[in-house]
C-alpha atoms as a PDB file:
ATOM      1  CA  UNK A   1       2.650 -69.398 -32.219  1.00  0.00           C
ATOM      2  CA  UNK A   2       4.950 -67.434 -29.507  1.00  0.00           C
ATOM      3  CA  UNK A   3       1.561 -66.461 -28.184  1.00  0.00           C
ATOM      4  CA  UNK A   4       0.503 -69.755 -27.695  1.00  0.00           C
ATOM      5  CA  UNK A   5       3.312 -71.131 -26.046  1.00  0.00           C
ATOM      6  CA  UNK A   6       3.214 -68.361 -23.697  1.00  0.00           C
ATOM      7  CA  UNK A   7      -0.537 -69.019 -22.590  1.00  0.00           C
ATOM      8  CA  UNK A   8       0.612 -72.681 -22.264  1.00  0.00           C
ATOM      9  CA  UNK A   9       3.322 -71.519 -19.753  1.00  0.00           C
ATOM     10  CA  UNK A  10       1.138 -69.115 -17.873  1.00  0.00           C
ATOM     11  CA  UNK A  11      -1.705 -72.070 -17.695  1.00  0.00           C
ATOM     12  CA  UNK A  12       0.727 -74.641 -16.124  1.00  0.00           C
ATOM     13  CA  UNK A  13       2.075 -72.191 -13.302  1.00  0.00           C
ATOM     14  CA  UNK A  14       1.320 -73.679  -9.946  1.00  0.00           C
ATOM     15  CA  UNK A  15      -0.867 -71.350  -7.727  1.00  0.00           C
ATOM     16  CA  UNK A  16       0.801 -71.108  -4.029  1.00  0.00           C
ATOM     17  CA  UNK A  17      -2.016 -71.950  -1.474  1.00  0.00           C
ATOM     18  CA  UNK A  18      -3.014 -68.781   0.465  1.00  0.00           C
ATOM     19  CA  UNK A  19      -2.433 -70.407   3.807  1.00  0.00           C
ATOM     20  CA  UNK A  20       0.680 -73.143   4.286  1.00  0.00           C
ATOM     21  CA  UNK A  21      -0.105 -76.920   5.110  1.00  0.00           C
ATOM     22  CA  UNK A  22       2.082 -76.055   8.442  1.00  0.00           C
ATOM     23  CA  UNK A  23      -0.386 -73.283   9.220  1.00  0.00           C
ATOM     24  CA  UNK A  24      -3.549 -74.900   8.276  1.00  0.00           C
ATOM     25  CA  UNK A  25      -3.074 -77.945  11.058  1.00  0.00           C
ATOM     26  CA  UNK A  26      -2.635 -75.011  13.619  1.00  0.00           C
ATOM     27  CA  UNK A  27      -5.716 -72.755  13.167  1.00  0.00           C
ATOM     28  CA  UNK A  28      -9.131 -72.496  12.050  1.00  0.00           C
ATOM     29  CA  UNK A  29      -9.249 -70.982   8.175  1.00  0.00           C
ATOM     30  CA  UNK A  30     -12.037 -69.674   6.562  1.00  0.00           C
ATOM     31  CA  UNK A  31     -13.260 -67.301   3.972  1.00  0.00           C
ATOM     32  CA  UNK A  32     -14.790 -63.915   5.135  1.00  0.00           C
ATOM     33  CA  UNK A  33     -15.648 -60.573   3.551  1.00  0.00           C
ATOM     34  CA  UNK A  34     -14.550 -57.121   4.225  1.00  0.00           C
ATOM     35  CA  UNK A  35     -14.804 -53.572   3.017  1.00  0.00           C
ATOM     36  CA  UNK A  36     -11.805 -53.212   0.370  1.00  0.00           C
ATOM     37  CA  UNK A  37      -9.390 -50.548   2.142  1.00  0.00           C
ATOM     38  CA  UNK A  38      -8.263 -49.681  -0.948  1.00  0.00           C
ATOM     39  CA  UNK A  39     -11.599 -48.571  -2.635  1.00  0.00           C
ATOM     40  CA  UNK A  40     -12.612 -45.245  -3.110  1.00  0.00           C
ATOM     41  CA  UNK A  41     -15.008 -43.986  -0.876  1.00  0.00           C
ATOM     42  CA  UNK A  42     -17.550 -43.501  -3.227  1.00  0.00           C
ATOM     43  CA  UNK A  43     -17.641 -47.092  -4.605  1.00  0.00           C
ATOM     44  CA  UNK A  44     -17.641 -49.477  -1.566  1.00  0.00           C
ATOM     45  CA  UNK A  45     -16.929 -52.995  -2.585  1.00  0.00           C
ATOM     46  CA  UNK A  46     -16.421 -56.338  -0.265  1.00  0.00           C
ATOM     47  CA  UNK A  47     -12.857 -58.405  -0.574  1.00  0.00           C
ATOM     48  CA  UNK A  48     -12.802 -62.213   0.142  1.00  0.00           C
ATOM     49  CA  UNK A  49     -10.191 -62.820   2.953  1.00  0.00           C
ATOM     50  CA  UNK A  50      -8.749 -65.656   4.371  1.00  0.00           C
ATOM     51  CA  UNK A  51      -8.921 -65.272   8.283  1.00  0.00           C
ATOM     52  CA  UNK A  52      -7.715 -67.488  10.952  1.00  0.00           C
ATOM     53  CA  UNK A  53     -10.659 -67.942  13.438  1.00  0.00           C
ATOM     54  CA  UNK A  54      -8.914 -69.909  15.907  1.00  0.00           C
ATOM     55  CA  UNK A  55      -5.940 -67.407  17.070  1.00  0.00           C
ATOM     56  CA  UNK A  56      -5.847 -68.614  20.377  1.00  0.00           C
ATOM     57  CA  UNK A  57      -6.906 -71.541  22.565  1.00  0.00           C
ATOM     58  CA  UNK A  58      -9.822 -69.210  23.532  1.00  0.00           C
ATOM     59  CA  UNK A  59     -10.834 -68.416  20.196  1.00  0.00           C
ATOM     60  CA  UNK A  60     -10.287 -72.168  18.827  1.00  0.00           C
ATOM     61  CA  UNK A  61     -12.744 -73.032  21.746  1.00  0.00           C
ATOM     62  CA  UNK A  62     -15.231 -70.069  20.991  1.00  0.00           C
ATOM     63  CA  UNK A  63     -15.264 -71.123  17.196  1.00  0.00           C
ATOM     64  CA  UNK A  64     -15.874 -75.094  18.362  1.00  0.00           C
ATOM     65  CA  UNK A  65     -18.773 -74.032  20.202  1.00  0.00           C
ATOM     66  CA  UNK A  66     -20.200 -76.048  23.022  1.00  0.00           C
ATOM     67  CA  UNK A  67     -20.957 -75.553  26.819  1.00  0.00           C
ATOM     68  CA  UNK A  68     -19.735 -72.244  27.962  1.00  0.00           C
ATOM     69  CA  UNK A  69     -18.775 -71.484  24.657  1.00  0.00           C
ATOM     70  CA  UNK A  70     -21.923 -70.203  22.930  1.00  0.00           C
ATOM     71  CA  UNK A  71     -23.088 -66.675  21.796  1.00  0.00           C
ATOM     72  CA  UNK A  72     -23.458 -65.280  25.414  1.00  0.00           C
ATOM     73  CA  UNK A  73     -20.078 -66.252  26.602  1.00  0.00           C
ATOM     74  CA  UNK A  74     -18.606 -65.031  23.342  1.00  0.00           C
ATOM     75  CA  UNK A  75     -19.989 -61.587  23.592  1.00  0.00           C
ATOM     76  CA  UNK A  76     -18.925 -61.748  27.283  1.00  0.00           C
ATOM     77  CA  UNK A  77     -15.063 -62.405  26.283  1.00  0.00           C
ATOM     78  CA  UNK A  78     -15.516 -59.858  23.711  1.00  0.00           C
ATOM     79  CA  UNK A  79     -16.528 -57.579  26.424  1.00  0.00           C
ATOM     80  CA  UNK A  80     -13.668 -57.981  28.686  1.00  0.00           C
ATOM     81  CA  UNK A  81     -11.250 -57.916  25.838  1.00  0.00           C
ATOM     82  CA  UNK A  82     -12.375 -54.268  24.964  1.00  0.00           C
ATOM     83  CA  UNK A  83     -11.978 -53.450  28.806  1.00  0.00           C
ATOM     84  CA  UNK A  84      -8.453 -54.920  29.120  1.00  0.00           C
ATOM     85  CA  UNK A  85      -7.772 -53.176  25.570  1.00  0.00           C
ATOM     86  CA  UNK A  86      -8.676 -49.809  27.473  1.00  0.00           C
ATOM     87  CA  UNK A  87      -6.721 -50.390  30.732  1.00  0.00           C
ATOM     88  CA  UNK A  88      -3.831 -51.545  28.503  1.00  0.00           C
ATOM     89  CA  UNK A  89      -2.403 -55.736  27.865  1.00  0.00           C
ATOM     90  CA  UNK A  90       0.685 -55.274  29.850  1.00  0.00           C
ATOM     91  CA  UNK A  91       1.537 -54.988  33.577  1.00  0.00           C
ATOM     92  CA  UNK A  92       3.215 -51.372  33.857  1.00  0.00           C
ATOM     93  CA  UNK A  93       5.766 -50.603  36.296  1.00  0.00           C
ATOM     94  CA  UNK A  94       4.869 -47.091  36.823  1.00  0.00           C
ATOM     95  CA  UNK A  95       1.272 -45.619  36.892  1.00  0.00           C
ATOM     96  CA  UNK A  96       0.142 -44.479  33.495  1.00  0.00           C
ATOM     97  CA  UNK A  97      -1.104 -40.944  34.119  1.00  0.00           C
ATOM     98  CA  UNK A  98      -1.310 -40.455  30.261  1.00  0.00           C
ATOM     99  CA  UNK A  99      -4.910 -42.441  30.564  1.00  0.00           C
ATOM    100  CA  UNK A 100      -6.066 -39.435  33.106  1.00  0.00           C
ATOM    101  CA  UNK A 101      -6.310 -35.892  31.791  1.00  0.00           C
ATOM    102  CA  UNK A 102      -8.244 -32.759  32.966  1.00  0.00           C
ATOM    103  CA  UNK A 103     -11.731 -31.849  31.839  1.00  0.00           C
ATOM    104  CA  UNK A 104     -12.736 -28.895  30.627  1.00  0.00           C
ATOM    105  CA  UNK A 105     -14.849 -28.414  34.042  1.00  0.00           C
ATOM    106  CA  UNK A 106     -11.257 -28.434  36.044  1.00  0.00           C
ATOM    107  CA  UNK A 107     -12.006 -32.171  37.607  1.00  0.00           C
ATOM    108  CA  UNK A 108     -10.079 -35.213  36.424  1.00  0.00           C
ATOM    109  CA  UNK A 109     -11.529 -36.872  34.042  1.00  0.00           C
ATOM    110  CA  UNK A 110     -11.486 -40.296  32.354  1.00  0.00           C
ATOM    111  CA  UNK A 111      -9.716 -40.542  28.676  1.00  0.00           C
ATOM    112  CA  UNK A 112     -11.159 -43.497  26.802  1.00  0.00           C
ATOM    113  CA  UNK A 113     -13.078 -44.763  29.773  1.00  0.00           C
ATOM    114  CA  UNK A 114      -9.785 -46.472  31.358  1.00  0.00           C
ATOM    115  CA  UNK A 115     -11.003 -45.719  35.021  1.00  0.00           C
ATOM    116  CA  UNK A 116     -14.663 -46.949  34.083  1.00  0.00           C
ATOM    117  CA  UNK A 117     -13.186 -50.325  32.746  1.00  0.00           C
ATOM    118  CA  UNK A 118     -10.805 -50.605  35.564  1.00  0.00           C
ATOM    119  CA  UNK A 119     -13.430 -50.204  37.964  1.00  0.00           C
ATOM    120  CA  UNK A 120     -15.818 -52.908  36.348  1.00  0.00           C
ATOM    121  CA  UNK A 121     -12.864 -55.336  35.625  1.00  0.00           C
ATOM    122  CA  UNK A 122     -12.491 -55.253  39.520  1.00  0.00           C
ATOM    123  CA  UNK A 123     -16.281 -54.997  40.327  1.00  0.00           C
ATOM    124  CA  UNK A 124     -16.397 -58.534  37.992  1.00  0.00           C
ATOM    125  CA  UNK A 125     -13.525 -60.277  39.902  1.00  0.00           C
ATOM    126  CA  UNK A 126     -14.629 -59.593  43.002  1.00  0.00           C
ATOM    127  CA  UNK A 127     -18.255 -60.808  42.373  1.00  0.00           C
ATOM    128  CA  UNK A 128     -16.829 -63.687  41.205  1.00  0.00           C
ATOM    129  CA  UNK A 129     -15.128 -64.277  44.861  1.00  0.00           C
ATOM    130  CA  UNK A 130     -12.943 -67.484  42.743  1.00  0.00           C
ATOM    131  CA  UNK A 131      -9.128 -66.142  42.380  1.00  0.00           C
ATOM    132  CA  UNK A 132      -8.048 -68.957  40.843  1.00  0.00           C
ATOM    133  CA  UNK A 133     -10.990 -69.137  38.006  1.00  0.00           C
ATOM    134  CA  UNK A 134     -10.456 -65.368  37.479  1.00  0.00           C
ATOM    135  CA  UNK A 135      -6.290 -65.831  37.210  1.00  0.00           C
ATOM    136  CA  UNK A 136      -6.858 -68.796  34.618  1.00  0.00           C
ATOM    137  CA  UNK A 137      -9.182 -66.832  32.881  1.00  0.00           C
ATOM    138  CA  UNK A 138      -7.554 -63.649  32.437  1.00  0.00           C
ATOM    139  CA  UNK A 139      -4.305 -65.551  31.643  1.00  0.00           C
ATOM    140  CA  UNK A 140      -6.125 -67.049  28.539  1.00  0.00           C
ATOM    141  CA  UNK A 141      -8.077 -64.668  27.414  1.00  0.00           C
ATOM    142  CA  UNK A 142      -6.360 -61.298  27.923  1.00  0.00           C
ATOM    143  CA  UNK A 143      -2.408 -63.077  27.903  1.00  0.00           C
ATOM    144  CA  UNK A 144      -3.236 -65.528  25.424  1.00  0.00           C
ATOM    145  CA  UNK A 145      -1.690 -68.469  27.650  1.00  0.00           C
ATOM    146  CA  UNK A 146      -1.648 -72.022  27.081  1.00  0.00           C
ATOM    147  CA  UNK A 147      -4.162 -74.080  28.988  1.00  0.00           C
ATOM    148  CA  UNK A 148      -1.460 -76.223  30.686  1.00  0.00           C
ATOM    149  CA  UNK A 149       0.487 -72.858  31.943  1.00  0.00           C
ATOM    150  CA  UNK A 150      -2.856 -71.114  32.697  1.00  0.00           C
ATOM    151  CA  UNK A 151      -3.552 -73.573  35.314  1.00  0.00           C
ATOM    152  CA  UNK A 152       0.013 -74.021  36.960  1.00  0.00           C
ATOM    153  CA  UNK A 153       0.884 -77.380  35.437  1.00  0.00           C
ATOM    154  CA  UNK A 154       4.702 -77.904  35.856  1.00  0.00           C
ATOM    155  CA  UNK A 155       6.222 -79.403  32.863  1.00  0.00           C
ATOM    156  CA  UNK A 156       3.949 -80.626  29.922  1.00  0.00           C
ATOM    157  CA  UNK A 157       0.386 -80.168  29.932  1.00  0.00           C
ATOM    158  CA  UNK A 158      -1.766 -82.968  30.276  1.00  0.00           C
ATOM    159  CA  UNK A 159      -5.265 -83.597  28.839  1.00  0.00           C
ATOM    160  CA  UNK A 160      -6.644 -82.771  32.170  1.00  0.00           C
ATOM    161  CA  UNK A 161      -5.122 -79.875  32.462  1.00  0.00           C
ATOM    162  CA  UNK A 162      -6.222 -78.193  29.085  1.00  0.00           C
ATOM    163  CA  UNK A 163      -9.994 -79.740  30.134  1.00  0.00           C
ATOM    164  CA  UNK A 164      -9.786 -77.909  33.683  1.00  0.00           C
ATOM    165  CA  UNK A 165      -8.745 -74.689  31.965  1.00  0.00           C
ATOM    166  CA  UNK A 166     -11.548 -75.034  29.475  1.00  0.00           C
ATOM    167  CA  UNK A 167     -14.289 -75.439  32.195  1.00  0.00           C
ATOM    168  CA  UNK A 168     -12.635 -72.766  34.160  1.00  0.00           C
ATOM    169  CA  UNK A 169     -12.849 -70.134  31.345  1.00  0.00           C
ATOM    170  CA  UNK A 170     -15.978 -71.083  30.207  1.00  0.00           C
ATOM    171  CA  UNK A 171     -17.649 -71.161  33.630  1.00  0.00           C
ATOM    172  CA  UNK A 172     -16.136 -67.430  34.030  1.00  0.00           C
ATOM    173  CA  UNK A 173     -17.604 -66.486  30.763  1.00  0.00           C
ATOM    174  CA  UNK A 174     -20.696 -67.645  31.639  1.00  0.00           C
ATOM    175  CA  UNK A 175     -21.201 -66.072  34.788  1.00  0.00           C
ATOM    176  CA  UNK A 176     -20.202 -62.559  33.279  1.00  0.00           C
ATOM    177  CA  UNK A 177     -22.526 -63.552  30.611  1.00  0.00           C
ATOM    178  CA  UNK A 178     -25.568 -63.825  32.996  1.00  0.00           C
ATOM    179  CA  UNK A 179     -24.516 -60.990  35.321  1.00  0.00           C
ATOM    180  CA  UNK A 180     -24.341 -58.394  31.785  1.00  0.00           C
ATOM    181  CA  UNK A 181     -27.297 -60.086  30.559  1.00  0.00           C
ATOM    182  CA  UNK A 182     -25.483 -61.039  27.337  1.00  0.00           C
END
């Protein structure tokens, strides 16, 4: 009899959702499979995880899709994020000499592609020729600023500010996708 009541109590336990109701309102959550990091090397298995597909405003726009936020633009944005990752996300106050190292041949090398990433970012910015568009794109994609702050809205951003920022980011992503043939 004691075992039966113990099972009954266990079945009445309330299962807490993985994502709280508050977080569910502010993201796009879905299930995804990934390799189990705790599995032994010879036995690879997949586990189901819950991921937020809309971590930033740009990620939310990419998840929603539409003009300027389709597969080629998503690849362009991912490419730029990789380049910015190589050069670093912050605005350093001093030169980062750690990224440049000596090669075996005696010349100056490029560890982790720092200089090539910096060069490609500069070329893309120059080729675009629209500093306001590039700044908005960089603020939203690299620094994860809100749409209103990225377009320079003073006070509370309006729907018009968000639409303007979305068009600017979509345009820059489309141009990069076109140039890089994504």
